[in-house]
Amino acid sequence: MQNCVLIDYERAFSRPPARQRENGGKIMNMETQDKVFISYGHDEEAITTLAKFIEDLGLKPTVLDEQPGNDLTVIENLDKYADDTGFVIALLTPDDVGGVKNEAVQQLNPRAHQNVIFEIGYFIGKLNPNQVCLLYKEGVELPLGIPDVAYVSMDSAGDWRLKIGQEMQNAGIPVDMNKLF
């Protein structure tokens, strides 16, 4: 063999799954592990239910409307809280409607408020995808094709609480599962 270089193909060309990626080189620290950012639309009851659930777990929910600095732009607010966030729950409730433009019969479907969709993308880029969870009400059109992000139905039986707790644990958030019951 003349001037031949052997490469470990798997090592050279495969990339680690997103769940193993670090936050731009930053490891989540103890000060951010208990802070959960809630991205939401207009369903006040769902927001209140989710925030109370997070508090019941001994964690600190961040709801932008309850924070100082409402004079900031959306990006400024997200930047302000992103570095102090250990986990994000995007609450997808039927706040808007939309459909495919060129369909013969225009059918409008319930959708999450557009700020929620934007914030999902923002936090997936800022944090690890496994630190973002989509909690949705049945019938809401879901954004598809987002790898390593959990989709959890906000069912009336309350099973979503256990699933959210498990997702938080998977992301490294210290959750006492006994507090769920």
N, C-alpha and C. Protein backbone atom coordinates (compact mmCIF):
# COMPACT_ATOMS: atom_id res chain seq x y z
N MET A 1 0.84 -1.18 0.00
CA MET A 1 0.00 0.00 0.00
C MET A 1 0.88 1.23 0.00
N GLN A 2 0.60 2.06 -0.92
CA GLN A 2 1.40 3.24 -1.07
C GLN A 2 0.59 4.46 -0.66
N ASN A 3 1.10 5.22 0.32
CA ASN A 3 0.44 6.43 0.80
C ASN A 3 -1.06 6.23 1.07
N CYS A 4 -1.39 5.21 1.75
CA CYS A 4 -2.79 4.89 2.04
C CYS A 4 -3.11 5.28 3.49
N VAL A 5 -4.25 5.90 3.67
CA VAL A 5 -4.68 6.30 5.01
C VAL A 5 -5.95 5.53 5.34
N LEU A 6 -5.95 4.88 6.47
CA LEU A 6 -7.14 4.17 6.91
C LEU A 6 -7.94 5.05 7.86
N ILE A 7 -9.22 5.08 7.64
CA ILE A 7 -10.09 5.90 8.49
C ILE A 7 -11.13 5.00 9.14
N ASP A 8 -11.39 5.28 10.38
CA ASP A 8 -12.52 4.63 11.05
C ASP A 8 -13.77 5.37 10.58
N TYR A 9 -14.46 4.79 9.59
CA TYR A 9 -15.60 5.46 8.95
C TYR A 9 -16.65 5.89 9.96
N GLU A 10 -17.03 4.97 10.85
CA GLU A 10 -18.09 5.30 11.81
C GLU A 10 -17.71 6.49 12.68
N ARG A 11 -16.48 6.51 13.12
CA ARG A 11 -16.02 7.59 13.99
C ARG A 11 -15.89 8.91 13.23
N ALA A 12 -15.45 8.83 12.00
CA ALA A 12 -15.21 10.05 11.23
C ALA A 12 -16.48 10.68 10.68
N PHE A 13 -17.46 9.85 10.33
CA PHE A 13 -18.62 10.39 9.62
C PHE A 13 -19.94 10.31 10.37
N SER A 14 -19.94 9.66 11.48
CA SER A 14 -21.20 9.64 12.23
C SER A 14 -21.18 10.77 13.23
N ARG A 15 -22.35 11.25 13.54
CA ARG A 15 -22.41 12.29 14.56
C ARG A 15 -23.21 11.75 15.73
N PRO A 16 -22.90 12.21 16.90
CA PRO A 16 -23.61 11.70 18.07
C PRO A 16 -25.08 12.09 18.02
N PRO A 17 -25.93 11.26 18.61
CA PRO A 17 -27.34 11.64 18.67
C PRO A 17 -27.51 12.97 19.38
N ALA A 18 -28.53 13.71 19.03
CA ALA A 18 -28.75 15.03 19.62
C ALA A 18 -28.88 14.96 21.13
N ARG A 19 -29.40 13.86 21.66
CA ARG A 19 -29.58 13.74 23.10
C ARG A 19 -28.24 13.77 23.85
N GLN A 20 -27.13 13.54 23.17
CA GLN A 20 -25.84 13.54 23.83
C GLN A 20 -25.08 14.85 23.63
N ARG A 21 -25.65 15.74 22.88
CA ARG A 21 -24.99 17.00 22.57
C ARG A 21 -24.97 17.89 23.81
N GLU A 22 -23.89 18.63 23.98
CA GLU A 22 -23.82 19.58 25.08
C GLU A 22 -24.38 20.91 24.62
N ASN A 23 -24.80 21.74 25.54
CA ASN A 23 -25.38 23.05 25.23
C ASN A 23 -24.29 24.02 24.80
N GLY A 24 -23.86 23.91 23.57
CA GLY A 24 -22.83 24.81 23.07
C GLY A 24 -21.59 24.77 23.94
N GLY A 25 -21.28 23.61 24.49
CA GLY A 25 -20.12 23.47 25.35
C GLY A 25 -20.41 23.69 26.82
N LYS A 26 -21.63 24.16 27.13
CA LYS A 26 -21.99 24.42 28.52
C LYS A 26 -22.76 23.24 29.09
N ILE A 27 -22.38 22.79 30.24
CA ILE A 27 -23.11 21.74 30.93
C ILE A 27 -24.13 22.42 31.84
N MET A 28 -25.33 21.86 31.92
CA MET A 28 -26.35 22.43 32.80
C MET A 28 -25.83 22.44 34.23
N ASN A 29 -25.92 23.58 34.89
CA ASN A 29 -25.43 23.65 36.27
C ASN A 29 -26.58 23.53 37.26
N MET A 30 -26.24 23.38 38.52
CA MET A 30 -27.23 23.16 39.56
C MET A 30 -28.23 24.31 39.67
N GLU A 31 -27.81 25.52 39.34
CA GLU A 31 -28.69 26.68 39.48
C GLU A 31 -29.80 26.69 38.44
N THR A 32 -29.62 26.01 37.31
CA THR A 32 -30.65 26.02 36.27
C THR A 32 -31.52 24.78 36.28
N GLN A 33 -31.11 23.75 37.01
CA GLN A 33 -31.84 22.49 36.97
C GLN A 33 -33.27 22.59 37.47
N ASP A 34 -33.56 23.54 38.32
CA ASP A 34 -34.91 23.60 38.89
C ASP A 34 -35.80 24.63 38.19
N LYS A 35 -35.32 25.21 37.09
CA LYS A 35 -36.10 26.24 36.39
C LYS A 35 -36.68 25.68 35.09
N VAL A 36 -38.00 25.80 34.97
CA VAL A 36 -38.72 25.27 33.81
C VAL A 36 -39.43 26.42 33.10
N PHE A 37 -39.05 26.66 31.87
CA PHE A 37 -39.66 27.72 31.07
C PHE A 37 -40.92 27.16 30.41
N ILE A 38 -42.03 27.90 30.52
CA ILE A 38 -43.28 27.50 29.88
C ILE A 38 -43.53 28.41 28.69
N SER A 39 -43.61 27.82 27.51
CA SER A 39 -43.99 28.55 26.30
C SER A 39 -45.48 28.29 26.12
N TYR A 40 -46.27 29.33 25.89
CA TYR A 40 -47.72 29.17 25.93
C TYR A 40 -48.43 30.13 24.99
N GLY A 41 -49.72 29.83 24.77
CA GLY A 41 -50.58 30.68 23.96
C GLY A 41 -51.60 31.37 24.85
N HIS A 42 -52.89 31.11 24.60
CA HIS A 42 -53.95 31.86 25.29
C HIS A 42 -54.80 31.04 26.26
N ASP A 43 -54.50 29.77 26.46
CA ASP A 43 -55.31 28.93 27.33
C ASP A 43 -54.86 29.10 28.78
N GLU A 44 -55.48 30.05 29.47
CA GLU A 44 -55.08 30.40 30.84
C GLU A 44 -55.19 29.21 31.80
N GLU A 45 -56.23 28.41 31.64
CA GLU A 45 -56.42 27.26 32.53
C GLU A 45 -55.27 26.26 32.36
N ALA A 46 -54.87 25.99 31.13
CA ALA A 46 -53.77 25.06 30.88
C ALA A 46 -52.45 25.61 31.42
N ILE A 47 -52.23 26.91 31.26
CA ILE A 47 -51.01 27.54 31.78
C ILE A 47 -50.96 27.41 33.30
N THR A 48 -52.06 27.73 33.96
CA THR A 48 -52.13 27.66 35.42
C THR A 48 -51.93 26.23 35.90
N THR A 49 -52.58 25.27 35.24
CA THR A 49 -52.45 23.85 35.61
C THR A 49 -51.00 23.39 35.49
N LEU A 50 -50.35 23.75 34.39
CA LEU A 50 -48.97 23.34 34.17
C LEU A 50 -48.03 24.01 35.17
N ALA A 51 -48.20 25.30 35.41
CA ALA A 51 -47.33 26.01 36.37
C ALA A 51 -47.48 25.42 37.77
N LYS A 52 -48.71 25.10 38.18
CA LYS A 52 -48.93 24.50 39.50
C LYS A 52 -48.27 23.13 39.58
N PHE A 53 -48.38 22.34 38.52
CA PHE A 53 -47.74 21.03 38.47
C PHE A 53 -46.23 21.16 38.68
N ILE A 54 -45.61 22.12 38.00
CA ILE A 54 -44.17 22.33 38.13
C ILE A 54 -43.81 22.75 39.55
N GLU A 55 -44.60 23.64 40.13
CA GLU A 55 -44.37 24.06 41.52
C GLU A 55 -44.54 22.89 42.48
N ASP A 56 -45.53 22.03 42.25
CA ASP A 56 -45.76 20.87 43.11
C ASP A 56 -44.56 19.92 43.10
N LEU A 57 -43.80 19.93 42.02
CA LEU A 57 -42.59 19.10 41.93
C LEU A 57 -41.41 19.76 42.64
N GLY A 58 -41.61 20.96 43.16
CA GLY A 58 -40.52 21.68 43.82
C GLY A 58 -39.64 22.44 42.84
N LEU A 59 -40.13 22.62 41.62
CA LEU A 59 -39.38 23.34 40.59
C LEU A 59 -39.96 24.73 40.41
N LYS A 60 -39.25 25.57 39.66
CA LYS A 60 -39.67 26.97 39.48
C LYS A 60 -40.10 27.22 38.04
N PRO A 61 -41.42 27.42 37.83
CA PRO A 61 -41.87 27.72 36.47
C PRO A 61 -41.57 29.16 36.08
N THR A 62 -41.20 29.36 34.83
CA THR A 62 -41.03 30.71 34.29
C THR A 62 -42.15 30.94 33.29
N VAL A 63 -43.06 31.85 33.64
CA VAL A 63 -44.16 32.26 32.76
C VAL A 63 -43.89 33.73 32.44
N LEU A 64 -43.63 34.03 31.17
CA LEU A 64 -43.18 35.38 30.81
C LEU A 64 -44.10 36.49 31.29
N ASP A 65 -45.41 36.30 31.21
CA ASP A 65 -46.34 37.36 31.64
C ASP A 65 -46.20 37.70 33.11
N GLU A 66 -45.62 36.80 33.89
CA GLU A 66 -45.46 37.02 35.32
C GLU A 66 -44.08 37.56 35.67
N GLN A 67 -43.23 37.78 34.66
CA GLN A 67 -41.86 38.22 34.89
C GLN A 67 -41.72 39.71 34.62
N PRO A 68 -40.78 40.37 35.30
CA PRO A 68 -40.51 41.77 34.97
C PRO A 68 -39.84 41.85 33.59
N GLY A 69 -39.97 42.99 32.95
CA GLY A 69 -39.30 43.18 31.66
C GLY A 69 -40.22 42.96 30.48
N ASN A 70 -41.50 43.20 30.65
CA ASN A 70 -42.44 43.03 29.54
C ASN A 70 -42.22 44.03 28.42
N ASP A 71 -41.35 45.01 28.65
CA ASP A 71 -41.06 45.99 27.60
C ASP A 71 -39.99 45.46 26.63
N LEU A 72 -39.47 44.26 26.88
CA LEU A 72 -38.46 43.67 26.01
C LEU A 72 -39.11 43.00 24.81
N THR A 73 -38.34 42.85 23.73
CA THR A 73 -38.84 42.11 22.56
C THR A 73 -38.88 40.63 22.90
N VAL A 74 -39.53 39.85 22.05
CA VAL A 74 -39.61 38.41 22.27
C VAL A 74 -38.22 37.80 22.38
N ILE A 75 -37.34 38.13 21.45
CA ILE A 75 -35.98 37.58 21.45
C ILE A 75 -35.23 37.99 22.71
N GLU A 76 -35.36 39.25 23.10
CA GLU A 76 -34.67 39.72 24.31
C GLU A 76 -35.17 38.95 25.54
N ASN A 77 -36.47 38.71 25.62
CA ASN A 77 -37.02 37.94 26.74
C ASN A 77 -36.51 36.51 26.73
N LEU A 78 -36.52 35.88 25.57
CA LEU A 78 -36.05 34.49 25.48
C LEU A 78 -34.57 34.40 25.85
N ASP A 79 -33.78 35.33 25.32
CA ASP A 79 -32.35 35.35 25.65
C ASP A 79 -32.13 35.55 27.15
N LYS A 80 -32.95 36.39 27.74
CA LYS A 80 -32.83 36.70 29.17
C LYS A 80 -33.03 35.46 30.04
N TYR A 81 -33.98 34.61 29.66
CA TYR A 81 -34.31 33.46 30.50
C TYR A 81 -33.70 32.14 30.05
N ALA A 82 -33.24 32.05 28.81
CA ALA A 82 -32.74 30.78 28.27
C ALA A 82 -31.55 30.23 29.03
N ASP A 83 -30.61 31.09 29.40
CA ASP A 83 -29.41 30.61 30.08
C ASP A 83 -29.69 30.11 31.48
N ASP A 84 -30.82 30.49 32.04
CA ASP A 84 -31.18 30.06 33.39
C ASP A 84 -32.26 28.99 33.37
N THR A 85 -32.44 28.34 32.24
CA THR A 85 -33.51 27.35 32.10
C THR A 85 -32.92 25.96 31.96
N GLY A 86 -33.46 25.03 32.74
CA GLY A 86 -33.03 23.64 32.65
C GLY A 86 -33.93 22.80 31.76
N PHE A 87 -35.18 23.24 31.59
CA PHE A 87 -36.14 22.46 30.82
C PHE A 87 -37.21 23.41 30.28
N VAL A 88 -37.74 23.08 29.11
CA VAL A 88 -38.78 23.90 28.48
C VAL A 88 -39.98 23.02 28.16
N ILE A 89 -41.16 23.50 28.54
CA ILE A 89 -42.39 22.82 28.14
C ILE A 89 -43.16 23.79 27.26
N ALA A 90 -43.36 23.40 26.01
CA ALA A 90 -44.14 24.20 25.07
C ALA A 90 -45.58 23.69 25.13
N LEU A 91 -46.47 24.55 25.52
CA LEU A 91 -47.88 24.20 25.69
C LEU A 91 -48.63 24.52 24.39
N LEU A 92 -49.02 23.47 23.68
CA LEU A 92 -49.70 23.63 22.40
C LEU A 92 -51.20 23.46 22.61
N THR A 93 -51.91 24.59 22.60
CA THR A 93 -53.36 24.61 22.79
C THR A 93 -54.00 25.22 21.55
N PRO A 94 -55.29 24.93 21.29
CA PRO A 94 -55.93 25.41 20.06
C PRO A 94 -56.25 26.90 20.09
N ASP A 95 -55.23 27.72 19.92
CA ASP A 95 -55.38 29.18 19.98
C ASP A 95 -55.59 29.82 18.62
N ASP A 96 -55.05 29.22 17.57
CA ASP A 96 -55.14 29.75 16.21
C ASP A 96 -55.73 28.67 15.30
N VAL A 97 -56.01 29.03 14.07
CA VAL A 97 -56.41 28.06 13.05
C VAL A 97 -55.58 28.31 11.80
N GLY A 98 -55.38 27.26 11.02
CA GLY A 98 -54.62 27.39 9.78
C GLY A 98 -54.81 26.17 8.92
N GLY A 99 -54.39 26.27 7.67
CA GLY A 99 -54.52 25.16 6.75
C GLY A 99 -53.59 25.31 5.57
N VAL A 100 -53.64 24.32 4.69
CA VAL A 100 -52.83 24.33 3.48
C VAL A 100 -53.46 25.27 2.47
N LYS A 101 -52.69 26.16 1.92
CA LYS A 101 -53.19 27.21 1.04
C LYS A 101 -53.83 26.68 -0.25
N ASN A 102 -53.21 25.72 -0.90
CA ASN A 102 -53.65 25.31 -2.23
C ASN A 102 -54.56 24.08 -2.24
N GLU A 103 -55.17 23.74 -1.14
CA GLU A 103 -56.12 22.62 -1.13
C GLU A 103 -57.41 23.05 -1.81
N ALA A 104 -58.07 22.10 -2.50
CA ALA A 104 -59.33 22.40 -3.18
C ALA A 104 -60.38 22.89 -2.18
N VAL A 105 -60.46 22.20 -1.06
CA VAL A 105 -61.38 22.61 0.00
C VAL A 105 -60.52 23.09 1.16
N GLN A 106 -60.64 24.36 1.45
CA GLN A 106 -59.84 24.94 2.54
C GLN A 106 -60.38 24.47 3.88
N GLN A 107 -59.58 23.69 4.60
CA GLN A 107 -59.97 23.24 5.92
C GLN A 107 -59.02 23.86 6.94
N LEU A 108 -59.59 24.58 7.88
CA LEU A 108 -58.78 25.21 8.92
C LEU A 108 -58.73 24.30 10.13
N ASN A 109 -57.53 24.06 10.61
CA ASN A 109 -57.31 23.17 11.75
C ASN A 109 -56.84 23.97 12.95
N PRO A 110 -57.18 23.50 14.16
CA PRO A 110 -56.68 24.17 15.37
C PRO A 110 -55.15 24.07 15.44
N ARG A 111 -54.52 25.17 15.76
CA ARG A 111 -53.06 25.22 15.87
C ARG A 111 -52.66 25.97 17.13
N ALA A 112 -51.44 25.70 17.55
CA ALA A 112 -50.86 26.46 18.66
C ALA A 112 -50.58 27.88 18.18
N HIS A 113 -50.54 28.80 19.12
CA HIS A 113 -50.21 30.18 18.80
C HIS A 113 -48.81 30.21 18.19
N GLN A 114 -48.59 31.07 17.22
CA GLN A 114 -47.34 31.07 16.46
C GLN A 114 -46.10 31.38 17.30
N ASN A 115 -46.26 32.14 18.38
CA ASN A 115 -45.10 32.40 19.24
C ASN A 115 -44.58 31.09 19.85
N VAL A 116 -45.48 30.16 20.14
CA VAL A 116 -45.09 28.88 20.74
C VAL A 116 -44.24 28.09 19.74
N ILE A 117 -44.65 28.06 18.49
CA ILE A 117 -43.89 27.35 17.45
C ILE A 117 -42.50 27.97 17.31
N PHE A 118 -42.43 29.28 17.30
CA PHE A 118 -41.14 29.98 17.22
C PHE A 118 -40.26 29.62 18.41
N GLU A 119 -40.83 29.65 19.61
CA GLU A 119 -40.07 29.39 20.83
C GLU A 119 -39.57 27.95 20.88
N ILE A 120 -40.32 27.01 20.32
CA ILE A 120 -39.85 25.62 20.25
C ILE A 120 -38.54 25.58 19.49
N GLY A 121 -38.51 26.19 18.31
CA GLY A 121 -37.29 26.21 17.50
C GLY A 121 -36.15 26.92 18.20
N TYR A 122 -36.46 28.03 18.85
CA TYR A 122 -35.44 28.80 19.57
C TYR A 122 -34.77 27.93 20.64
N PHE A 123 -35.59 27.28 21.48
CA PHE A 123 -35.03 26.52 22.59
C PHE A 123 -34.37 25.22 22.14
N ILE A 124 -34.83 24.63 21.06
CA ILE A 124 -34.14 23.45 20.53
C ILE A 124 -32.73 23.85 20.11
N GLY A 125 -32.59 25.03 19.51
CA GLY A 125 -31.27 25.52 19.11
C GLY A 125 -30.42 25.95 20.29
N LYS A 126 -31.03 26.50 21.31
CA LYS A 126 -30.30 27.04 22.46
C LYS A 126 -29.92 25.95 23.46
N LEU A 127 -30.84 25.01 23.69
CA LEU A 127 -30.61 23.92 24.64
C LEU A 127 -30.47 22.61 23.86
N ASN A 128 -30.45 21.52 24.56
CA ASN A 128 -30.52 20.22 23.91
C ASN A 128 -31.96 19.92 23.56
N PRO A 129 -32.22 19.23 22.45
CA PRO A 129 -33.61 18.87 22.12
C PRO A 129 -34.30 18.08 23.24
N ASN A 130 -33.55 17.28 23.99
CA ASN A 130 -34.20 16.50 25.05
C ASN A 130 -34.54 17.36 26.27
N GLN A 131 -34.23 18.64 26.22
CA GLN A 131 -34.64 19.57 27.28
C GLN A 131 -35.88 20.34 26.88
N VAL A 132 -36.48 19.96 25.75
CA VAL A 132 -37.69 20.60 25.25
C VAL A 132 -38.77 19.53 25.10
N CYS A 133 -39.95 19.82 25.63
CA CYS A 133 -41.06 18.88 25.56
C CYS A 133 -42.29 19.62 25.04
N LEU A 134 -43.03 18.98 24.13
CA LEU A 134 -44.25 19.56 23.60
C LEU A 134 -45.44 18.92 24.31
N LEU A 135 -46.15 19.70 25.09
CA LEU A 135 -47.34 19.24 25.79
C LEU A 135 -48.54 19.80 25.03
N TYR A 136 -49.34 18.91 24.44
CA TYR A 136 -50.39 19.38 23.55
C TYR A 136 -51.77 18.87 23.96
N LYS A 137 -52.76 19.68 23.62
CA LYS A 137 -54.15 19.27 23.79
C LYS A 137 -54.58 18.53 22.53
N GLU A 138 -55.40 17.49 22.71
CA GLU A 138 -55.87 16.69 21.58
C GLU A 138 -56.52 17.57 20.52
N GLY A 139 -56.26 17.23 19.27
CA GLY A 139 -56.86 17.94 18.16
C GLY A 139 -56.02 19.08 17.62
N VAL A 140 -54.97 19.46 18.33
CA VAL A 140 -54.11 20.55 17.88
C VAL A 140 -53.13 20.01 16.83
N GLU A 141 -52.99 20.73 15.74
CA GLU A 141 -52.03 20.36 14.72
C GLU A 141 -50.63 20.45 15.32
N LEU A 142 -49.84 19.40 15.14
CA LEU A 142 -48.52 19.34 15.75
C LEU A 142 -47.42 19.60 14.73
N PRO A 143 -46.36 20.29 15.14
CA PRO A 143 -45.20 20.41 14.27
C PRO A 143 -44.55 19.02 14.17
N LEU A 144 -44.27 18.58 12.97
CA LEU A 144 -43.74 17.23 12.77
C LEU A 144 -42.26 17.26 12.44
N GLY A 145 -41.64 16.11 12.63
CA GLY A 145 -40.27 15.94 12.20
C GLY A 145 -39.24 16.61 13.09
N ILE A 146 -39.54 16.75 14.36
CA ILE A 146 -38.56 17.33 15.28
C ILE A 146 -37.94 16.18 16.07
N PRO A 147 -36.73 15.76 15.72
CA PRO A 147 -36.12 14.61 16.40
C PRO A 147 -35.73 14.93 17.84
N ASP A 148 -35.82 13.91 18.68
CA ASP A 148 -35.37 13.97 20.08
C ASP A 148 -36.17 14.91 20.96
N VAL A 149 -37.33 15.34 20.51
CA VAL A 149 -38.22 16.17 21.32
C VAL A 149 -39.43 15.32 21.66
N ALA A 150 -39.80 15.30 22.94
CA ALA A 150 -40.94 14.49 23.37
C ALA A 150 -42.26 15.21 23.08
N TYR A 151 -43.22 14.44 22.61
CA TYR A 151 -44.59 14.91 22.40
C TYR A 151 -45.45 14.22 23.46
N VAL A 152 -46.13 14.99 24.30
CA VAL A 152 -46.95 14.43 25.37
C VAL A 152 -48.35 15.04 25.28
N SER A 153 -49.36 14.17 25.27
CA SER A 153 -50.74 14.63 25.21
C SER A 153 -51.20 15.05 26.60
N MET A 154 -51.81 16.23 26.69
CA MET A 154 -52.35 16.73 27.96
C MET A 154 -53.74 16.12 28.14
N ASP A 155 -53.75 14.84 28.48
CA ASP A 155 -55.00 14.09 28.60
C ASP A 155 -55.75 14.45 29.88
N SER A 156 -57.05 14.23 29.85
CA SER A 156 -57.89 14.59 31.00
C SER A 156 -57.65 13.68 32.21
N ALA A 157 -57.11 12.49 31.98
CA ALA A 157 -56.83 11.57 33.10
C ALA A 157 -55.61 12.03 33.90
N GLY A 158 -54.79 12.89 33.33
CA GLY A 158 -53.61 13.40 34.04
C GLY A 158 -52.36 12.56 33.88
N ASP A 159 -52.40 11.58 32.96
CA ASP A 159 -51.22 10.75 32.72
C ASP A 159 -50.04 11.56 32.21
N TRP A 160 -50.32 12.74 31.67
CA TRP A 160 -49.26 13.60 31.14
C TRP A 160 -48.27 13.98 32.23
N ARG A 161 -48.72 14.05 33.46
CA ARG A 161 -47.82 14.44 34.56
C ARG A 161 -46.66 13.46 34.72
N LEU A 162 -46.98 12.17 34.68
CA LEU A 162 -45.95 11.14 34.80
C LEU A 162 -44.99 11.22 33.61
N LYS A 163 -45.53 11.39 32.43
CA LYS A 163 -44.69 11.44 31.23
C LYS A 163 -43.77 12.66 31.25
N ILE A 164 -44.30 13.80 31.67
CA ILE A 164 -43.46 15.01 31.77
C ILE A 164 -42.37 14.80 32.82
N GLY A 165 -42.73 14.22 33.96
CA GLY A 165 -41.75 13.92 35.00
C GLY A 165 -40.62 13.04 34.48
N GLN A 166 -40.98 12.02 33.70
CA GLN A 166 -39.97 11.13 33.12
C GLN A 166 -39.08 11.87 32.13
N GLU A 167 -39.67 12.73 31.32
CA GLU A 167 -38.88 13.50 30.35
C GLU A 167 -37.91 14.44 31.07
N MET A 168 -38.37 15.04 32.15
CA MET A 168 -37.49 15.92 32.93
C MET A 168 -36.33 15.12 33.51
N GLN A 169 -36.63 13.96 34.07
CA GLN A 169 -35.56 13.12 34.61
C GLN A 169 -34.56 12.74 33.51
N ASN A 170 -35.07 12.38 32.34
CA ASN A 170 -34.19 12.02 31.22
C ASN A 170 -33.27 13.17 30.82
N ALA A 171 -33.72 14.40 31.06
CA ALA A 171 -32.93 15.58 30.72
C ALA A 171 -32.00 16.00 31.86
N GLY A 172 -32.03 15.27 32.97
CA GLY A 172 -31.14 15.59 34.09
C GLY A 172 -31.75 16.50 35.12
N ILE A 173 -33.05 16.73 35.06
CA ILE A 173 -33.73 17.56 36.06
C ILE A 173 -34.07 16.67 37.25
N PRO A 174 -33.70 17.09 38.46
CA PRO A 174 -33.99 16.26 39.64
C PRO A 174 -35.48 16.33 39.99
N VAL A 175 -36.22 15.29 39.63
CA VAL A 175 -37.65 15.23 39.89
C VAL A 175 -37.93 14.09 40.85
N ASP A 176 -38.60 14.41 41.95
CA ASP A 176 -39.04 13.38 42.89
C ASP A 176 -40.37 12.85 42.37
N MET A 177 -40.35 11.68 41.76
CA MET A 177 -41.55 11.12 41.15
C MET A 177 -42.64 10.83 42.19
N ASN A 178 -42.27 10.72 43.46
CA ASN A 178 -43.27 10.50 44.51
C ASN A 178 -44.20 11.71 44.66
N LYS A 179 -43.73 12.89 44.25
CA LYS A 179 -44.55 14.09 44.35
C LYS A 179 -45.63 14.14 43.28
N LEU A 180 -45.58 13.21 42.34
CA LEU A 180 -46.58 13.18 41.27
C LEU A 180 -47.90 12.58 41.74
N PHE A 181 -47.87 11.87 42.86
CA PHE A 181 -49.09 11.17 43.29
C PHE A 181 -49.60 11.70 44.61
